[in-house]
């Protein structure tokens, strides 16, 4: 049976993808923890009552850094949810099937972007 005729990936292939996702999920959760720790450190430093120009500049920099870290945390949380959703698709054996075309997404694409739900062809049509 040729690749494009297959309706879904085999259980062995799904296990391979699950390992990739588990690895990325572990790293993503670790990064999110690091971001949260950085955010709490900025919070802790905000208790200094010293007044002065340099303090105002520091507060501005802290605010900017907090916003940046908050956005990073939100993106990381979204990525984790997408990876967990991909794991659910592996469990129900719908993983790797393009939601637009119904065709199998190439293994190369899934290895690079394991949480994707779109084949490269469908993704290019979206643009």
N, C-alpha and C. Protein backbone atom coordinates (compact mmCIF):
# COMPACT_ATOMS: atom_id res chain seq x y z
N UNK A 1 0.84 -1.19 0.00
CA UNK A 1 0.00 0.00 0.00
C UNK A 1 0.88 1.25 0.00
N UNK A 2 0.60 2.16 -0.87
CA UNK A 2 1.42 3.37 -0.97
C UNK A 2 0.96 4.40 0.07
N UNK A 3 1.88 5.31 0.41
CA UNK A 3 1.67 6.33 1.44
C UNK A 3 0.35 7.10 1.24
N UNK A 4 0.09 7.60 0.03
CA UNK A 4 -1.08 8.45 -0.18
C UNK A 4 -2.39 7.68 -0.15
N UNK A 5 -2.33 6.34 -0.26
CA UNK A 5 -3.55 5.54 -0.22
C UNK A 5 -3.93 5.16 1.21
N UNK A 6 -3.01 5.29 2.13
CA UNK A 6 -3.30 4.94 3.53
C UNK A 6 -4.31 5.91 4.12
N UNK A 7 -5.19 5.39 4.94
CA UNK A 7 -6.21 6.22 5.58
C UNK A 7 -5.72 6.79 6.92
N UNK A 8 -4.79 6.08 7.55
CA UNK A 8 -4.24 6.57 8.81
C UNK A 8 -2.87 5.92 9.03
N UNK A 9 -2.14 6.48 10.01
CA UNK A 9 -0.83 5.91 10.35
C UNK A 9 -1.03 4.66 11.21
N UNK A 10 -0.08 3.73 11.09
CA UNK A 10 -0.14 2.49 11.88
C UNK A 10 0.11 2.80 13.35
N UNK A 11 -0.22 1.85 14.21
CA UNK A 11 0.00 2.03 15.65
C UNK A 11 1.48 2.26 15.95
N UNK A 12 2.36 1.57 15.21
CA UNK A 12 3.81 1.75 15.42
C UNK A 12 4.22 3.17 15.05
N UNK A 13 3.69 3.66 13.94
CA UNK A 13 4.01 5.03 13.51
C UNK A 13 3.46 6.04 14.53
N UNK A 14 2.26 5.78 15.02
CA UNK A 14 1.67 6.67 16.02
C UNK A 14 2.50 6.70 17.29
N UNK A 15 3.07 5.55 17.68
CA UNK A 15 3.94 5.51 18.86
C UNK A 15 5.17 6.38 18.66
N UNK A 16 5.72 6.35 17.46
CA UNK A 16 6.89 7.19 17.15
C UNK A 16 6.53 8.67 17.33
N UNK A 17 5.38 9.07 16.80
CA UNK A 17 4.95 10.46 16.92
C UNK A 17 4.65 10.82 18.37
N UNK A 18 4.11 9.87 19.12
CA UNK A 18 3.80 10.14 20.53
C UNK A 18 5.09 10.41 21.32
N UNK A 19 6.15 9.69 21.01
CA UNK A 19 7.45 9.92 21.68
C UNK A 19 7.95 11.34 21.38
N UNK A 20 7.83 11.75 20.11
CA UNK A 20 8.25 13.10 19.72
C UNK A 20 7.45 14.14 20.50
N UNK A 21 6.13 13.93 20.55
CA UNK A 21 5.25 14.86 21.25
C UNK A 21 5.56 14.89 22.74
N UNK A 22 5.78 13.72 23.35
CA UNK A 22 6.10 13.67 24.78
C UNK A 22 7.38 14.45 25.09
N UNK A 23 8.38 14.32 24.22
CA UNK A 23 9.63 15.05 24.40
C UNK A 23 9.38 16.55 24.33
N UNK A 24 8.65 16.98 23.29
CA UNK A 24 8.36 18.41 23.13
C UNK A 24 7.49 18.93 24.28
N UNK A 25 6.57 18.10 24.74
CA UNK A 25 5.68 18.48 25.84
C UNK A 25 6.48 18.69 27.13
N UNK A 26 7.42 17.80 27.39
CA UNK A 26 8.27 17.93 28.57
C UNK A 26 9.08 19.22 28.54
N UNK A 27 9.67 19.51 27.38
CA UNK A 27 10.47 20.74 27.23
C UNK A 27 9.59 21.98 27.35
N UNK A 28 8.40 21.92 26.75
CA UNK A 28 7.49 23.07 26.77
C UNK A 28 7.03 23.37 28.20
N UNK A 29 6.73 22.34 28.96
CA UNK A 29 6.29 22.53 30.36
C UNK A 29 7.43 23.08 31.21
N UNK A 30 8.64 22.60 30.94
CA UNK A 30 9.83 23.09 31.65
C UNK A 30 10.04 24.58 31.35
N UNK A 31 9.92 24.95 30.06
CA UNK A 31 10.08 26.35 29.67
C UNK A 31 9.01 27.22 30.33
N UNK A 32 7.77 26.71 30.37
CA UNK A 32 6.69 27.47 31.00
C UNK A 32 6.99 27.69 32.49
N UNK A 33 7.50 26.67 33.16
CA UNK A 33 7.87 26.82 34.57
C UNK A 33 8.95 27.89 34.73
N UNK A 34 9.94 27.88 33.84
CA UNK A 34 11.01 28.89 33.90
C UNK A 34 10.46 30.29 33.70
N UNK A 35 9.53 30.44 32.75
CA UNK A 35 8.92 31.75 32.50
C UNK A 35 8.15 32.21 33.74
N UNK A 36 7.40 31.29 34.34
CA UNK A 36 6.63 31.64 35.55
C UNK A 36 7.56 32.03 36.70
N UNK A 37 8.70 31.35 36.83
CA UNK A 37 9.67 31.70 37.87
C UNK A 37 10.24 33.09 37.61
N UNK A 38 10.53 33.39 36.36
CA UNK A 38 11.04 34.73 36.02
C UNK A 38 10.00 35.79 36.34
N UNK A 39 8.75 35.52 36.04
CA UNK A 39 7.67 36.47 36.34
C UNK A 39 7.56 36.70 37.84
N UNK A 40 7.66 35.64 38.63
CA UNK A 40 7.53 35.81 40.07
C UNK A 40 8.75 36.54 40.66
N UNK A 41 9.92 36.36 40.04
CA UNK A 41 11.11 37.12 40.50
C UNK A 41 10.93 38.61 40.26
N UNK A 42 10.36 38.97 39.11
CA UNK A 42 10.10 40.39 38.82
C UNK A 42 9.11 40.93 39.84
N UNK A 43 8.09 40.14 40.15
CA UNK A 43 7.09 40.54 41.16
C UNK A 43 7.76 40.79 42.51
N UNK A 44 8.64 39.88 42.90
CA UNK A 44 9.31 39.99 44.20
C UNK A 44 10.19 41.23 44.29
N UNK A 45 10.80 41.60 43.18
CA UNK A 45 11.68 42.78 43.16
C UNK A 45 10.88 44.08 43.23
N UNK A 46 9.61 44.01 42.99
CA UNK A 46 8.78 45.21 42.97
C UNK A 46 8.40 45.73 44.34
N UNK A 47 8.94 45.17 45.41
CA UNK A 47 8.58 45.60 46.76
C UNK A 47 9.50 46.68 47.31
N UNK A 48 10.54 47.03 46.57
CA UNK A 48 11.49 48.07 47.01
C UNK A 48 10.78 49.43 47.01
N UNK A 49 10.93 50.19 48.10
CA UNK A 49 10.23 51.48 48.21
C UNK A 49 11.15 52.67 47.91
N UNK A 50 12.36 52.44 47.42
CA UNK A 50 13.27 53.52 47.06
C UNK A 50 12.66 54.34 45.94
N UNK A 51 12.70 55.68 46.09
CA UNK A 51 12.13 56.54 45.08
C UNK A 51 13.26 57.26 44.36
N UNK A 52 13.13 57.44 43.05
CA UNK A 52 14.14 58.15 42.27
C UNK A 52 13.96 57.86 40.80
N UNK A 53 14.70 58.59 39.98
CA UNK A 53 14.59 58.44 38.53
C UNK A 53 14.96 57.03 38.10
N UNK A 54 16.04 56.51 38.67
CA UNK A 54 16.47 55.17 38.26
C UNK A 54 15.41 54.14 38.64
N UNK A 55 14.70 54.37 39.74
CA UNK A 55 13.64 53.46 40.16
C UNK A 55 12.49 53.49 39.15
N UNK A 56 12.14 54.67 38.66
CA UNK A 56 11.08 54.77 37.66
C UNK A 56 11.47 54.06 36.37
N UNK A 57 12.72 54.20 35.97
CA UNK A 57 13.20 53.50 34.78
C UNK A 57 13.17 51.99 34.97
N UNK A 58 13.57 51.55 36.16
CA UNK A 58 13.53 50.11 36.47
C UNK A 58 12.11 49.59 36.42
N UNK A 59 11.17 50.38 36.99
CA UNK A 59 9.77 49.96 36.98
C UNK A 59 9.26 49.82 35.56
N UNK A 60 9.64 50.76 34.70
CA UNK A 60 9.24 50.69 33.29
C UNK A 60 9.80 49.46 32.61
N UNK A 61 11.06 49.19 32.88
CA UNK A 61 11.71 48.01 32.29
C UNK A 61 11.06 46.73 32.83
N UNK A 62 10.76 46.73 34.14
CA UNK A 62 10.10 45.56 34.75
C UNK A 62 8.73 45.33 34.12
N UNK A 63 7.99 46.42 33.91
CA UNK A 63 6.66 46.30 33.31
C UNK A 63 6.75 45.72 31.90
N UNK A 64 7.71 46.23 31.13
CA UNK A 64 7.91 45.74 29.77
C UNK A 64 8.30 44.26 29.79
N UNK A 65 9.19 43.91 30.70
CA UNK A 65 9.63 42.52 30.80
C UNK A 65 8.47 41.61 31.24
N UNK A 66 7.65 42.11 32.18
CA UNK A 66 6.48 41.34 32.62
C UNK A 66 5.53 41.08 31.46
N UNK A 67 5.25 42.12 30.67
CA UNK A 67 4.36 41.96 29.52
C UNK A 67 4.93 40.95 28.53
N UNK A 68 6.22 41.07 28.26
CA UNK A 68 6.88 40.17 27.33
C UNK A 68 6.83 38.73 27.83
N UNK A 69 7.13 38.53 29.11
CA UNK A 69 7.10 37.19 29.70
C UNK A 69 5.68 36.64 29.75
N UNK A 70 4.70 37.50 30.00
CA UNK A 70 3.30 37.06 30.04
C UNK A 70 2.86 36.58 28.66
N UNK A 71 3.27 37.31 27.62
CA UNK A 71 2.94 36.89 26.25
C UNK A 71 3.62 35.56 25.91
N UNK A 72 4.86 35.44 26.34
CA UNK A 72 5.61 34.21 26.11
C UNK A 72 4.93 33.04 26.83
N UNK A 73 4.50 33.27 28.07
CA UNK A 73 3.82 32.24 28.85
C UNK A 73 2.52 31.83 28.16
N UNK A 74 1.77 32.80 27.65
CA UNK A 74 0.50 32.50 26.97
C UNK A 74 0.75 31.66 25.72
N UNK A 75 1.78 32.02 24.95
CA UNK A 75 2.11 31.24 23.75
C UNK A 75 2.53 29.82 24.13
N UNK A 76 3.30 29.71 25.20
CA UNK A 76 3.78 28.41 25.64
C UNK A 76 2.60 27.54 26.10
N UNK A 77 1.65 28.15 26.82
CA UNK A 77 0.48 27.41 27.27
C UNK A 77 -0.35 26.93 26.08
N UNK A 78 -0.48 27.77 25.06
CA UNK A 78 -1.23 27.40 23.85
C UNK A 78 -0.53 26.22 23.17
N UNK A 79 0.81 26.27 23.10
CA UNK A 79 1.59 25.20 22.48
C UNK A 79 1.39 23.89 23.25
N UNK A 80 1.40 23.95 24.57
CA UNK A 80 1.19 22.76 25.40
C UNK A 80 -0.20 22.17 25.13
N UNK A 81 -1.21 23.02 25.05
CA UNK A 81 -2.58 22.56 24.77
C UNK A 81 -2.63 21.88 23.39
N UNK A 82 -1.94 22.48 22.41
CA UNK A 82 -1.92 21.89 21.07
C UNK A 82 -1.24 20.52 21.07
N UNK A 83 -0.15 20.40 21.82
CA UNK A 83 0.55 19.11 21.91
C UNK A 83 -0.32 18.07 22.62
N UNK A 84 -1.01 18.48 23.68
CA UNK A 84 -1.87 17.55 24.40
C UNK A 84 -3.05 17.12 23.52
N UNK A 85 -3.54 18.03 22.70
CA UNK A 85 -4.61 17.71 21.76
C UNK A 85 -4.10 16.70 20.71
N UNK A 86 -2.86 16.87 20.28
CA UNK A 86 -2.26 15.93 19.32
C UNK A 86 -2.16 14.54 19.95
N UNK A 87 -1.82 14.48 21.24
CA UNK A 87 -1.75 13.19 21.92
C UNK A 87 -3.13 12.53 21.96
N UNK A 88 -4.17 13.33 22.17
CA UNK A 88 -5.53 12.79 22.18
C UNK A 88 -5.88 12.23 20.80
N UNK A 89 -5.44 12.92 19.73
CA UNK A 89 -5.69 12.42 18.37
C UNK A 89 -4.94 11.11 18.12
N UNK A 90 -3.76 10.96 18.74
CA UNK A 90 -3.03 9.69 18.62
C UNK A 90 -3.85 8.59 19.28
N UNK A 91 -4.37 8.86 20.47
CA UNK A 91 -5.15 7.86 21.21
C UNK A 91 -6.38 7.42 20.41
N UNK A 92 -7.05 8.38 19.73
CA UNK A 92 -8.25 7.98 18.97
C UNK A 92 -7.94 7.72 17.49
N UNK A 93 -6.65 7.63 17.19
CA UNK A 93 -6.14 7.23 15.86
C UNK A 93 -6.55 8.16 14.71
N UNK A 94 -6.74 9.42 15.01
CA UNK A 94 -7.02 10.39 13.95
C UNK A 94 -5.82 11.29 13.71
N UNK A 95 -4.74 11.04 14.42
CA UNK A 95 -3.52 11.86 14.30
C UNK A 95 -2.93 11.73 12.91
N UNK A 96 -2.49 12.87 12.37
CA UNK A 96 -1.78 12.87 11.09
C UNK A 96 -2.69 12.97 9.89
N UNK A 97 -4.00 13.13 10.13
CA UNK A 97 -4.95 13.28 9.03
C UNK A 97 -5.30 14.76 8.91
N UNK A 98 -5.10 15.33 7.74
CA UNK A 98 -5.36 16.75 7.50
C UNK A 98 -6.85 17.03 7.66
N UNK A 99 -7.19 18.05 8.47
CA UNK A 99 -8.59 18.37 8.69
C UNK A 99 -9.22 19.07 7.48
N UNK A 100 -8.40 19.53 6.55
CA UNK A 100 -8.92 20.19 5.35
C UNK A 100 -9.09 19.22 4.18
N UNK A 101 -8.08 18.38 3.97
CA UNK A 101 -8.09 17.52 2.78
C UNK A 101 -8.50 16.08 3.09
N UNK A 102 -8.35 15.66 4.34
CA UNK A 102 -8.62 14.27 4.70
C UNK A 102 -7.48 13.34 4.36
N UNK A 103 -6.42 13.88 3.76
CA UNK A 103 -5.24 13.08 3.41
C UNK A 103 -4.27 13.02 4.59
N UNK A 104 -3.36 12.05 4.51
CA UNK A 104 -2.33 11.96 5.54
C UNK A 104 -1.35 13.12 5.40
N UNK A 105 -0.99 13.69 6.53
CA UNK A 105 0.05 14.73 6.58
C UNK A 105 1.38 14.00 6.50
N UNK A 106 2.33 14.54 5.75
CA UNK A 106 3.62 13.85 5.58
C UNK A 106 4.33 13.68 6.92
N UNK A 107 5.05 12.57 7.02
CA UNK A 107 5.80 12.29 8.25
C UNK A 107 6.81 13.40 8.54
N UNK A 108 7.44 13.93 7.49
CA UNK A 108 8.43 14.98 7.67
C UNK A 108 7.80 16.20 8.34
N UNK A 109 6.61 16.57 7.88
CA UNK A 109 5.91 17.72 8.47
C UNK A 109 5.53 17.43 9.92
N UNK A 110 5.04 16.23 10.18
CA UNK A 110 4.63 15.88 11.55
C UNK A 110 5.83 15.82 12.50
N UNK A 111 6.97 15.41 11.98
CA UNK A 111 8.17 15.39 12.84
C UNK A 111 8.60 16.82 13.18
N UNK A 112 8.45 17.73 12.21
CA UNK A 112 8.86 19.12 12.42
C UNK A 112 7.82 19.89 13.24
N UNK A 113 6.54 19.65 12.96
CA UNK A 113 5.44 20.35 13.64
C UNK A 113 4.43 19.30 14.11
N UNK A 114 4.76 18.58 15.20
CA UNK A 114 3.94 17.43 15.59
C UNK A 114 2.50 17.75 16.00
N UNK A 115 2.22 19.01 16.27
CA UNK A 115 0.85 19.36 16.69
C UNK A 115 -0.01 19.83 15.52
N UNK A 116 0.53 19.85 14.30
CA UNK A 116 -0.22 20.38 13.16
C UNK A 116 -1.44 19.52 12.83
N UNK A 117 -2.44 20.16 12.29
CA UNK A 117 -3.65 19.46 11.83
C UNK A 117 -3.86 19.70 10.34
N UNK A 118 -2.85 20.33 9.70
CA UNK A 118 -2.96 20.69 8.28
C UNK A 118 -1.78 20.13 7.50
N UNK A 119 -2.06 19.57 6.34
CA UNK A 119 -0.99 19.17 5.44
C UNK A 119 -0.35 20.45 4.89
N UNK A 120 0.82 20.32 4.33
CA UNK A 120 1.51 21.50 3.79
C UNK A 120 0.69 22.09 2.64
N UNK A 121 0.04 21.24 1.86
CA UNK A 121 -0.78 21.70 0.73
C UNK A 121 -1.94 22.58 1.26
N UNK A 122 -2.60 22.09 2.30
CA UNK A 122 -3.73 22.86 2.87
C UNK A 122 -3.23 24.15 3.50
N UNK A 123 -2.08 24.11 4.14
CA UNK A 123 -1.51 25.30 4.79
C UNK A 123 -1.19 26.36 3.74
N UNK A 124 -0.62 25.94 2.62
CA UNK A 124 -0.27 26.88 1.55
C UNK A 124 -1.52 27.51 0.92
N UNK A 125 -2.59 26.75 0.83
CA UNK A 125 -3.85 27.28 0.28
C UNK A 125 -4.45 28.35 1.19
N UNK A 126 -4.19 28.22 2.50
CA UNK A 126 -4.72 29.19 3.48
C UNK A 126 -4.09 30.56 3.29
N UNK A 127 -2.86 30.59 2.81
CA UNK A 127 -2.12 31.85 2.75
C UNK A 127 -2.49 32.71 1.57
